[in-house]
Amino acid sequence: MAQVNRCLKQLFFGFNMLLGIAGCVLLVLGMTAAPYNKELDQGESAGLAWIVSTAVVSVLLSLLGAYGAYKENIVFLRVFVGIMGFGIIVFLIVGFNVARSMPEAMQMIKENLSSATSAMMADEEHRQTIMALQAEAKCCGIMSYRDWDSKIPETCKCSTFKSDPSQCMEVQTTKDDGIWGTSEMMWIYSKPCGPLIMKNLDSALKTALGFFFGFAVYALIGELLSCMMIGQIKKVQSADVLENVEGRVSFHTSILSNSPCGGSCGS
């Protein structure tokens, strides 16, 4: 009796296992970020929904493919091929749109960053975020330290002045002291945070681009493996049918040849 190629079957199982693991990882990341969904803006919420949806579909698709391969069921494998083909088209369209619009989007953000700085500095939540970024990235302000006017926060204070003074600069700042503010000199980080924000945004967009095209390529591999599995199963089924027919013909021939008439009763 003919059988499906064992190496192909194991390779397809491995593909679905990796797809399921990737889906589980994305699902865990999405569920971890879900409690903070209320704090995210509309774009970030849409991105989180996209990640969770992709994770769920990936897990279900891996189970469908593995079951179809285990049972050698052509119907399940054809459904797998159809969904994978749809996924390839969707991710390629999204990927090409991101790649096409990314330079224009980055240029627009760069041009509007200066005008958006005032609005960000007027919002307390944004100020707290900027101060946390300053402490971590060792920078001060978005465009420059002047974004803080003369009330520069402690997170701008240059902690590497003694070890690496090239990162620091001395400026005059105002410190609240009761009713009257007192002026004093302060060593702060010389570089602004704006270029770092742009760099992180560019990296995030490139990561998203790599995810879309990477998933499309991985889905294409799954599509090819599934088509090969279907071809193998059809070949095995055809061989089994032919073997069954030949067996029946041989059986009936042997019966006729062993009959008292010797196969010539009807002549």
C-alpha atoms as a PDB file:
ATOM      1  CA  MET A   1       0.000   0.000   0.000  1.00  0.00           C
ATOM      2  CA  ALA A   2       1.378   3.418  -1.013  1.00  0.00           C
ATOM      3  CA  GLN A   3       2.059   6.034   1.655  1.00  0.00           C
ATOM      4  CA  VAL A   4       2.561   9.799   1.779  1.00  0.00           C
ATOM      5  CA  ASN A   5       6.236  10.825   1.888  1.00  0.00           C
ATOM      6  CA  ARG A   6       7.189  10.717   5.564  1.00  0.00           C
ATOM      7  CA  CYS A   7       9.761  13.534   5.343  1.00  0.00           C
ATOM      8  CA  LEU A   8       7.217  15.834   3.688  1.00  0.00           C
ATOM      9  CA  LYS A   9       4.647  15.015   6.360  1.00  0.00           C
ATOM     10  CA  GLN A  10       7.096  15.725   9.201  1.00  0.00           C
ATOM     11  CA  LEU A  11       8.228  18.949   7.512  1.00  0.00           C
ATOM     12  CA  PHE A  12       4.611  20.095   7.252  1.00  0.00           C
ATOM     13  CA  PHE A  13       4.016  19.199  10.907  1.00  0.00           C
ATOM     14  CA  GLY A  14       7.099  21.229  11.851  1.00  0.00           C
ATOM     15  CA  PHE A  15       5.842  24.196   9.838  1.00  0.00           C
ATOM     16  CA  ASN A  16       2.489  24.139  11.639  1.00  0.00           C
ATOM     17  CA  MET A  17       4.183  23.735  15.009  1.00  0.00           C
ATOM     18  CA  LEU A  18       6.288  26.866  14.444  1.00  0.00           C
ATOM     19  CA  LEU A  19       3.204  28.720  13.207  1.00  0.00           C
ATOM     20  CA  GLY A  20       1.306  27.718  16.352  1.00  0.00           C
ATOM     21  CA  ILE A  21       4.184  28.736  18.642  1.00  0.00           C
ATOM     22  CA  ALA A  22       4.461  32.132  16.909  1.00  0.00           C
ATOM     23  CA  GLY A  23       0.709  32.599  17.280  1.00  0.00           C
ATOM     24  CA  CYS A  24       0.857  31.753  20.998  1.00  0.00           C
ATOM     25  CA  VAL A  25       3.717  34.218  21.562  1.00  0.00           C
ATOM     26  CA  LEU A  26       1.806  36.990  19.764  1.00  0.00           C
ATOM     27  CA  LEU A  27      -1.337  36.132  21.730  1.00  0.00           C
ATOM     28  CA  VAL A  28       0.515  36.341  25.057  1.00  0.00           C
ATOM     29  CA  LEU A  29       2.011  39.700  24.056  1.00  0.00           C
ATOM     30  CA  GLY A  30      -1.402  40.969  22.995  1.00  0.00           C
ATOM     31  CA  MET A  31      -3.101  39.791  26.202  1.00  0.00           C
ATOM     32  CA  THR A  32      -0.307  41.346  28.262  1.00  0.00           C
ATOM     33  CA  ALA A  33      -0.870  44.702  26.579  1.00  0.00           C
ATOM     34  CA  ALA A  34      -4.693  44.415  26.705  1.00  0.00           C
ATOM     35  CA  PRO A  35      -5.072  45.883  30.247  1.00  0.00           C
ATOM     36  CA  TYR A  36      -3.407  49.094  28.991  1.00  0.00           C
ATOM     37  CA  ASN A  37      -5.738  49.339  25.974  1.00  0.00           C
ATOM     38  CA  LYS A  38      -7.631  52.298  27.507  1.00  0.00           C
ATOM     39  CA  GLU A  39      -4.390  54.261  27.716  1.00  0.00           C
ATOM     40  CA  LEU A  40      -3.538  53.702  24.043  1.00  0.00           C
ATOM     41  CA  ASP A  41      -4.561  56.020  21.225  1.00  0.00           C
ATOM     42  CA  GLN A  42      -6.660  54.885  18.270  1.00  0.00           C
ATOM     43  CA  GLY A  43      -3.701  53.824  16.134  1.00  0.00           C
ATOM     44  CA  GLU A  44      -2.088  51.813  18.933  1.00  0.00           C
ATOM     45  CA  SER A  45      -5.428  50.115  19.759  1.00  0.00           C
ATOM     46  CA  ALA A  46      -5.852  49.130  16.106  1.00  0.00           C
ATOM     47  CA  GLY A  47      -2.315  47.705  16.093  1.00  0.00           C
ATOM     48  CA  LEU A  48      -3.060  45.684  19.240  1.00  0.00           C
ATOM     49  CA  ALA A  49      -6.284  44.332  17.698  1.00  0.00           C
ATOM     50  CA  TRP A  50      -4.333  43.386  14.549  1.00  0.00           C
ATOM     51  CA  ILE A  51      -1.737  41.481  16.608  1.00  0.00           C
ATOM     52  CA  VAL A  52      -4.367  39.564  18.614  1.00  0.00           C
ATOM     53  CA  SER A  53      -6.368  38.703  15.474  1.00  0.00           C
ATOM     54  CA  THR A  54      -3.241  37.479  13.675  1.00  0.00           C
ATOM     55  CA  ALA A  55      -2.287  35.393  16.715  1.00  0.00           C
ATOM     56  CA  VAL A  56      -5.694  33.690  16.966  1.00  0.00           C
ATOM     57  CA  VAL A  57      -5.823  32.956  13.222  1.00  0.00           C
ATOM     58  CA  SER A  58      -2.249  31.584  13.308  1.00  0.00           C
ATOM     59  CA  VAL A  59      -3.026  29.168  16.158  1.00  0.00           C
ATOM     60  CA  LEU A  60      -6.276  27.935  14.560  1.00  0.00           C
ATOM     61  CA  LEU A  61      -4.584  27.630  11.163  1.00  0.00           C
ATOM     62  CA  SER A  62      -1.727  25.575  12.600  1.00  0.00           C
ATOM     63  CA  LEU A  63      -4.240  23.173  14.190  1.00  0.00           C
ATOM     64  CA  LEU A  64      -6.153  22.918  10.898  1.00  0.00           C
ATOM     65  CA  GLY A  65      -3.003  22.152   8.919  1.00  0.00           C
ATOM     66  CA  ALA A  66      -1.678  19.630  11.429  1.00  0.00           C
ATOM     67  CA  TYR A  67      -5.021  17.812  11.611  1.00  0.00           C
ATOM     68  CA  GLY A  68      -5.355  17.757   7.819  1.00  0.00           C
ATOM     69  CA  ALA A  69      -1.868  16.292   7.470  1.00  0.00           C
ATOM     70  CA  TYR A  70      -2.433  13.718  10.247  1.00  0.00           C
ATOM     71  CA  LYS A  71      -5.709  12.501   8.752  1.00  0.00           C
ATOM     72  CA  GLU A  72      -4.416  13.013   5.189  1.00  0.00           C
ATOM     73  CA  ASN A  73      -7.646  14.879   4.513  1.00  0.00           C
ATOM     74  CA  ILE A  74      -7.612  16.812   1.238  1.00  0.00           C
ATOM     75  CA  VAL A  75     -10.609  18.980   2.218  1.00  0.00           C
ATOM     76  CA  PHE A  76      -8.881  20.342   5.339  1.00  0.00           C
ATOM     77  CA  LEU A  77      -5.670  20.901   3.435  1.00  0.00           C
ATOM     78  CA  ARG A  78      -7.498  22.778   0.677  1.00  0.00           C
ATOM     79  CA  VAL A  79      -9.113  25.043   3.285  1.00  0.00           C
ATOM     80  CA  PHE A  80      -5.621  25.576   4.720  1.00  0.00           C
ATOM     81  CA  VAL A  81      -4.317  26.507   1.247  1.00  0.00           C
ATOM     82  CA  GLY A  82      -7.188  28.944   0.694  1.00  0.00           C
ATOM     83  CA  ILE A  83      -6.719  30.751   4.014  1.00  0.00           C
ATOM     84  CA  MET A  84      -2.941  30.877   3.534  1.00  0.00           C
ATOM     85  CA  GLY A  85      -3.385  32.309   0.032  1.00  0.00           C
ATOM     86  CA  PHE A  86      -5.728  34.983   1.389  1.00  0.00           C
ATOM     87  CA  GLY A  87      -3.220  35.787   4.154  1.00  0.00           C
ATOM     88  CA  ILE A  88      -0.396  36.152   1.630  1.00  0.00           C
ATOM     89  CA  ILE A  89      -2.431  38.643  -0.406  1.00  0.00           C
ATOM     90  CA  VAL A  90      -3.476  40.678   2.664  1.00  0.00           C
ATOM     91  CA  PHE A  91       0.012  40.889   4.181  1.00  0.00           C
ATOM     92  CA  LEU A  92       1.634  41.747   0.849  1.00  0.00           C
ATOM     93  CA  ILE A  93      -0.898  44.550   0.241  1.00  0.00           C
ATOM     94  CA  VAL A  94      -0.394  45.960   3.743  1.00  0.00           C
ATOM     95  CA  GLY A  95       3.378  45.557   3.497  1.00  0.00           C
ATOM     96  CA  PHE A  96       3.614  47.354   0.161  1.00  0.00           C
ATOM     97  CA  ASN A  97       1.368  50.165   1.438  1.00  0.00           C
ATOM     98  CA  VAL A  98       3.553  50.604   4.530  1.00  0.00           C
ATOM     99  CA  ALA A  99       6.739  50.567   2.422  1.00  0.00           C
ATOM    100  CA  ARG A 100       5.301  53.099  -0.021  1.00  0.00           C
ATOM    101  CA  SER A 101       3.957  55.520   2.593  1.00  0.00           C
ATOM    102  CA  MET A 102       6.790  55.198   5.153  1.00  0.00           C
ATOM    103  CA  PRO A 103       9.190  57.840   3.692  1.00  0.00           C
ATOM    104  CA  GLU A 104       6.347  60.339   3.270  1.00  0.00           C
ATOM    105  CA  ALA A 105       5.025  59.640   6.778  1.00  0.00           C
ATOM    106  CA  MET A 106       8.477  60.027   8.350  1.00  0.00           C
ATOM    107  CA  GLN A 107       9.039  63.317   6.501  1.00  0.00           C
ATOM    108  CA  MET A 108       5.632  64.625   7.609  1.00  0.00           C
ATOM    109  CA  ILE A 109       6.302  63.692  11.245  1.00  0.00           C
ATOM    110  CA  LYS A 110       9.726  65.323  11.083  1.00  0.00           C
ATOM    111  CA  GLU A 111       8.251  68.551   9.691  1.00  0.00           C
ATOM    112  CA  ASN A 112       5.421  68.669  12.249  1.00  0.00           C
ATOM    113  CA  LEU A 113       7.450  67.584  15.273  1.00  0.00           C
ATOM    114  CA  SER A 114       8.484  71.132  16.092  1.00  0.00           C
ATOM    115  CA  SER A 115       4.927  72.488  15.993  1.00  0.00           C
ATOM    116  CA  ALA A 116       3.642  69.525  18.013  1.00  0.00           C
ATOM    117  CA  THR A 117       6.220  70.065  20.753  1.00  0.00           C
ATOM    118  CA  SER A 118       4.331  72.981  22.346  1.00  0.00           C
ATOM    119  CA  ALA A 119       1.131  70.950  22.599  1.00  0.00           C
ATOM    120  CA  MET A 120       3.025  68.007  24.099  1.00  0.00           C
ATOM    121  CA  MET A 121       4.727  70.218  26.662  1.00  0.00           C
ATOM    122  CA  ALA A 122       1.353  71.680  27.684  1.00  0.00           C
ATOM    123  CA  ASP A 123       0.007  68.211  28.559  1.00  0.00           C
ATOM    124  CA  GLU A 124       1.026  66.799  31.945  1.00  0.00           C
ATOM    125  CA  GLU A 125       0.887  63.155  30.814  1.00  0.00           C
ATOM    126  CA  HIS A 126       3.105  63.870  27.814  1.00  0.00           C
ATOM    127  CA  ARG A 127       5.543  65.786  30.011  1.00  0.00           C
ATOM    128  CA  GLN A 128       5.874  62.785  32.316  1.00  0.00           C
ATOM    129  CA  THR A 129       6.526  60.534  29.319  1.00  0.00           C
ATOM    130  CA  ILE A 130       9.194  62.922  27.990  1.00  0.00           C
ATOM    131  CA  MET A 131      10.880  63.110  31.395  1.00  0.00           C
ATOM    132  CA  ALA A 132      11.002  59.307  31.597  1.00  0.00           C
ATOM    133  CA  LEU A 133      12.539  59.222  28.107  1.00  0.00           C
ATOM    134  CA  GLN A 134      15.110  61.848  29.104  1.00  0.00           C
ATOM    135  CA  ALA A 135      16.255  59.823  32.107  1.00  0.00           C
ATOM    136  CA  GLU A 136      16.570  56.643  30.037  1.00  0.00           C
ATOM    137  CA  ALA A 137      18.028  58.044  26.805  1.00  0.00           C
ATOM    138  CA  LYS A 138      20.169  60.797  28.384  1.00  0.00           C
ATOM    139  CA  CYS A 139      18.680  63.627  26.349  1.00  0.00           C
ATOM    140  CA  CYS A 140      16.855  66.875  27.139  1.00  0.00           C
ATOM    141  CA  GLY A 141      13.719  68.274  25.510  1.00  0.00           C
ATOM    142  CA  ILE A 142      12.290  67.254  22.158  1.00  0.00           C
ATOM    143  CA  MET A 143      13.829  69.846  19.843  1.00  0.00           C
ATOM    144  CA  SER A 144      16.178  71.285  22.493  1.00  0.00           C
ATOM    145  CA  TYR A 145      16.362  72.035  26.222  1.00  0.00           C
ATOM    146  CA  ARG A 146      14.525  75.310  25.493  1.00  0.00           C
ATOM    147  CA  ASP A 147      11.286  73.308  25.182  1.00  0.00           C
ATOM    148  CA  TRP A 148      11.207  73.493  28.996  1.00  0.00           C
ATOM    149  CA  ASP A 149      11.690  77.284  28.978  1.00  0.00           C
ATOM    150  CA  SER A 150      13.808  78.065  32.002  1.00  0.00           C
ATOM    151  CA  LYS A 151      12.291  75.396  34.288  1.00  0.00           C
ATOM    152  CA  ILE A 152      14.413  72.441  33.247  1.00  0.00           C
ATOM    153  CA  PRO A 153      13.544  69.203  35.117  1.00  0.00           C
ATOM    154  CA  GLU A 154      16.013  67.098  37.051  1.00  0.00           C
ATOM    155  CA  THR A 155      15.804  64.338  34.412  1.00  0.00           C
ATOM    156  CA  CYS A 156      17.780  66.624  32.089  1.00  0.00           C
ATOM    157  CA  LYS A 157      20.601  66.817  34.603  1.00  0.00           C
ATOM    158  CA  CYS A 158      23.765  65.336  33.135  1.00  0.00           C
ATOM    159  CA  SER A 159      24.958  62.484  35.339  1.00  0.00           C
ATOM    160  CA  THR A 160      28.003  61.762  33.151  1.00  0.00           C
ATOM    161  CA  PHE A 161      29.579  65.190  33.543  1.00  0.00           C
ATOM    162  CA  LYS A 162      32.666  63.877  35.332  1.00  0.00           C
ATOM    163  CA  SER A 163      33.159  60.752  33.225  1.00  0.00           C
ATOM    164  CA  ASP A 164      32.104  62.133  29.814  1.00  0.00           C
ATOM    165  CA  PRO A 165      31.642  65.928  29.786  1.00  0.00           C
ATOM    166  CA  SER A 166      31.180  65.934  25.996  1.00  0.00           C
ATOM    167  CA  GLN A 167      27.560  64.831  26.517  1.00  0.00           C
ATOM    168  CA  CYS A 168      26.823  67.824  28.747  1.00  0.00           C
ATOM    169  CA  MET A 169      26.330  71.555  28.509  1.00  0.00           C
ATOM    170  CA  GLU A 170      25.878  74.272  31.145  1.00  0.00           C
ATOM    171  CA  VAL A 171      22.696  76.362  31.047  1.00  0.00           C
ATOM    172  CA  GLN A 172      20.811  78.695  33.346  1.00  0.00           C
ATOM    173  CA  THR A 173      17.641  77.340  34.903  1.00  0.00           C
ATOM    174  CA  THR A 174      14.971  78.636  37.283  1.00  0.00           C
ATOM    175  CA  LYS A 175      14.234  76.719  40.455  1.00  0.00           C
ATOM    176  CA  ASP A 176      10.973  77.267  42.312  1.00  0.00           C
ATOM    177  CA  ASP A 177      11.671  78.524  45.815  1.00  0.00           C
ATOM    178  CA  GLY A 178       8.477  79.625  47.489  1.00  0.00           C
ATOM    179  CA  ILE A 179       6.998  82.770  45.910  1.00  0.00           C
ATOM    180  CA  TRP A 180      10.190  83.769  44.115  1.00  0.00           C
ATOM    181  CA  GLY A 181      12.165  81.615  41.704  1.00  0.00           C
ATOM    182  CA  THR A 182      15.904  81.494  41.976  1.00  0.00           C
ATOM    183  CA  SER A 183      18.247  81.144  38.999  1.00  0.00           C
ATOM    184  CA  GLU A 184      21.160  78.764  39.012  1.00  0.00           C
ATOM    185  CA  MET A 185      23.549  77.121  36.543  1.00  0.00           C
ATOM    186  CA  MET A 186      22.907  73.486  35.681  1.00  0.00           C
ATOM    187  CA  TRP A 187      24.736  70.854  33.636  1.00  0.00           C
ATOM    188  CA  ILE A 188      22.286  69.121  31.311  1.00  0.00           C
ATOM    189  CA  TYR A 189      22.429  66.643  28.428  1.00  0.00           C
ATOM    190  CA  SER A 190      23.307  68.496  25.257  1.00  0.00           C
ATOM    191  CA  LYS A 191      21.435  66.322  22.744  1.00  0.00           C
ATOM    192  CA  PRO A 192      17.641  66.604  22.301  1.00  0.00           C
ATOM    193  CA  CYS A 193      15.261  63.626  22.357  1.00  0.00           C
ATOM    194  CA  GLY A 194      13.616  64.410  18.990  1.00  0.00           C
ATOM    195  CA  PRO A 195      16.157  62.517  16.820  1.00  0.00           C
ATOM    196  CA  LEU A 196      15.873  59.521  19.143  1.00  0.00           C
ATOM    197  CA  ILE A 197      12.067  59.570  18.853  1.00  0.00           C
ATOM    198  CA  MET A 198      12.358  59.660  15.054  1.00  0.00           C
ATOM    199  CA  LYS A 199      14.893  56.818  15.113  1.00  0.00           C
ATOM    200  CA  ASN A 200      12.664  54.641  17.317  1.00  0.00           C
ATOM    201  CA  LEU A 201       9.657  55.378  15.106  1.00  0.00           C
ATOM    202  CA  ASP A 202      11.631  54.457  11.989  1.00  0.00           C
ATOM    203  CA  SER A 203      12.749  51.200  13.647  1.00  0.00           C
ATOM    204  CA  ALA A 204       9.147  50.398  14.639  1.00  0.00           C
ATOM    205  CA  LEU A 205       7.908  50.924  11.072  1.00  0.00           C
ATOM    206  CA  LYS A 206      10.731  48.792   9.647  1.00  0.00           C
ATOM    207  CA  THR A 207       9.928  46.063  12.190  1.00  0.00           C
ATOM    208  CA  ALA A 208       6.265  46.142  11.121  1.00  0.00           C
ATOM    209  CA  LEU A 209       7.359  45.999   7.481  1.00  0.00           C
ATOM    210  CA  GLY A 210       9.577  42.994   8.193  1.00  0.00           C
ATOM    211  CA  PHE A 211       6.695  41.308  10.039  1.00  0.00           C
ATOM    212  CA  PHE A 212       4.289  41.735   7.111  1.00  0.00           C
ATOM    213  CA  PHE A 213       6.709  40.514   4.439  1.00  0.00           C
ATOM    214  CA  GLY A 214       8.123  37.799   6.707  1.00  0.00           C
ATOM    215  CA  PHE A 215       4.670  36.389   7.401  1.00  0.00           C
ATOM    216  CA  ALA A 216       3.839  36.520   3.674  1.00  0.00           C
ATOM    217  CA  VAL A 217       6.984  34.514   2.832  1.00  0.00           C
ATOM    218  CA  TYR A 218       6.303  32.020   5.640  1.00  0.00           C
ATOM    219  CA  ALA A 219       2.700  31.637   4.457  1.00  0.00           C
ATOM    220  CA  LEU A 220       3.963  31.030   0.910  1.00  0.00           C
ATOM    221  CA  ILE A 221       6.173  28.203   2.203  1.00  0.00           C
ATOM    222  CA  GLY A 222       3.136  26.717   3.966  1.00  0.00           C
ATOM    223  CA  GLU A 223       1.117  27.067   0.771  1.00  0.00           C
ATOM    224  CA  LEU A 224       3.740  25.127  -1.212  1.00  0.00           C
ATOM    225  CA  LEU A 225       4.057  22.391   1.434  1.00  0.00           C
ATOM    226  CA  SER A 226       0.285  22.003   1.625  1.00  0.00           C
ATOM    227  CA  CYS A 227      -0.011  21.746  -2.177  1.00  0.00           C
ATOM    228  CA  MET A 228       2.717  19.088  -2.169  1.00  0.00           C
ATOM    229  CA  MET A 229       0.845  17.204   0.571  1.00  0.00           C
ATOM    230  CA  ILE A 230      -2.367  17.316  -1.481  1.00  0.00           C
ATOM    231  CA  GLY A 231      -0.490  16.033  -4.541  1.00  0.00           C
ATOM    232  CA  GLN A 232       1.027  13.196  -2.521  1.00  0.00           C
ATOM    233  CA  ILE A 233      -2.324  12.189  -1.003  1.00  0.00           C
ATOM    234  CA  LYS A 234      -4.003  12.187  -4.431  1.00  0.00           C
ATOM    235  CA  LYS A 235      -1.192  10.018  -5.795  1.00  0.00           C
ATOM    236  CA  VAL A 236      -1.518   7.586  -2.865  1.00  0.00           C
ATOM    237  CA  GLN A 237      -5.286   7.420  -3.247  1.00  0.00           C
ATOM    238  CA  SER A 238      -4.984   6.794  -7.006  1.00  0.00           C
ATOM    239  CA  ALA A 239      -2.419   4.056  -6.389  1.00  0.00           C
ATOM    240  CA  ASP A 240      -4.685   2.447  -3.768  1.00  0.00           C
ATOM    241  CA  VAL A 241      -7.688   2.523  -6.137  1.00  0.00           C
ATOM    242  CA  LEU A 242      -5.620   1.030  -8.982  1.00  0.00           C
ATOM    243  CA  GLU A 243      -4.239  -1.652  -6.656  1.00  0.00           C
ATOM    244  CA  ASN A 244      -7.761  -2.462  -5.455  1.00  0.00           C
ATOM    245  CA  VAL A 245      -9.090  -2.740  -9.033  1.00  0.00           C
ATOM    246  CA  GLU A 246      -6.161  -4.934 -10.098  1.00  0.00           C
ATOM    247  CA  GLY A 247      -6.720  -7.132  -7.055  1.00  0.00           C
ATOM    248  CA  ARG A 248     -10.393  -7.628  -7.896  1.00  0.00           C
ATOM    249  CA  VAL A 249      -9.630  -8.389 -11.550  1.00  0.00           C
ATOM    250  CA  SER A 250      -6.996 -10.917 -10.495  1.00  0.00           C
ATOM    251  CA  PHE A 251      -9.413 -12.474  -8.003  1.00  0.00           C
ATOM    252  CA  HIS A 252     -12.181 -12.887 -10.562  1.00  0.00           C
ATOM    253  CA  THR A 253      -9.719 -14.220 -13.160  1.00  0.00           C
ATOM    254  CA  SER A 254      -8.481 -16.857 -10.734  1.00  0.00           C
ATOM    255  CA  ILE A 255     -12.064 -17.900  -9.944  1.00  0.00           C
ATOM    256  CA  LEU A 256     -12.890 -18.267 -13.621  1.00  0.00           C
ATOM    257  CA  SER A 257      -9.721 -20.206 -14.368  1.00  0.00           C
ATOM    258  CA  ASN A 258     -10.393 -22.637 -11.488  1.00  0.00           C
ATOM    259  CA  SER A 259     -14.035 -23.256 -12.398  1.00  0.00           C
ATOM    260  CA  PRO A 260     -15.055 -26.712 -13.896  1.00  0.00           C
ATOM    261  CA  CYS A 261     -15.736 -25.097 -17.250  1.00  0.00           C
ATOM    262  CA  GLY A 262     -12.256 -23.615 -17.342  1.00  0.00           C
ATOM    263  CA  GLY A 263     -13.602 -20.249 -18.294  1.00  0.00           C
ATOM    264  CA  SER A 264     -15.258 -21.639 -21.500  1.00  0.00           C
ATOM    265  CA  CYS A 265     -18.726 -22.491 -20.215  1.00  0.00           C
ATOM    266  CA  GLY A 266     -20.317 -19.691 -22.075  1.00  0.00           C
ATOM    267  CA  SER A 267     -18.701 -20.535 -25.441  1.00  0.00           C
END
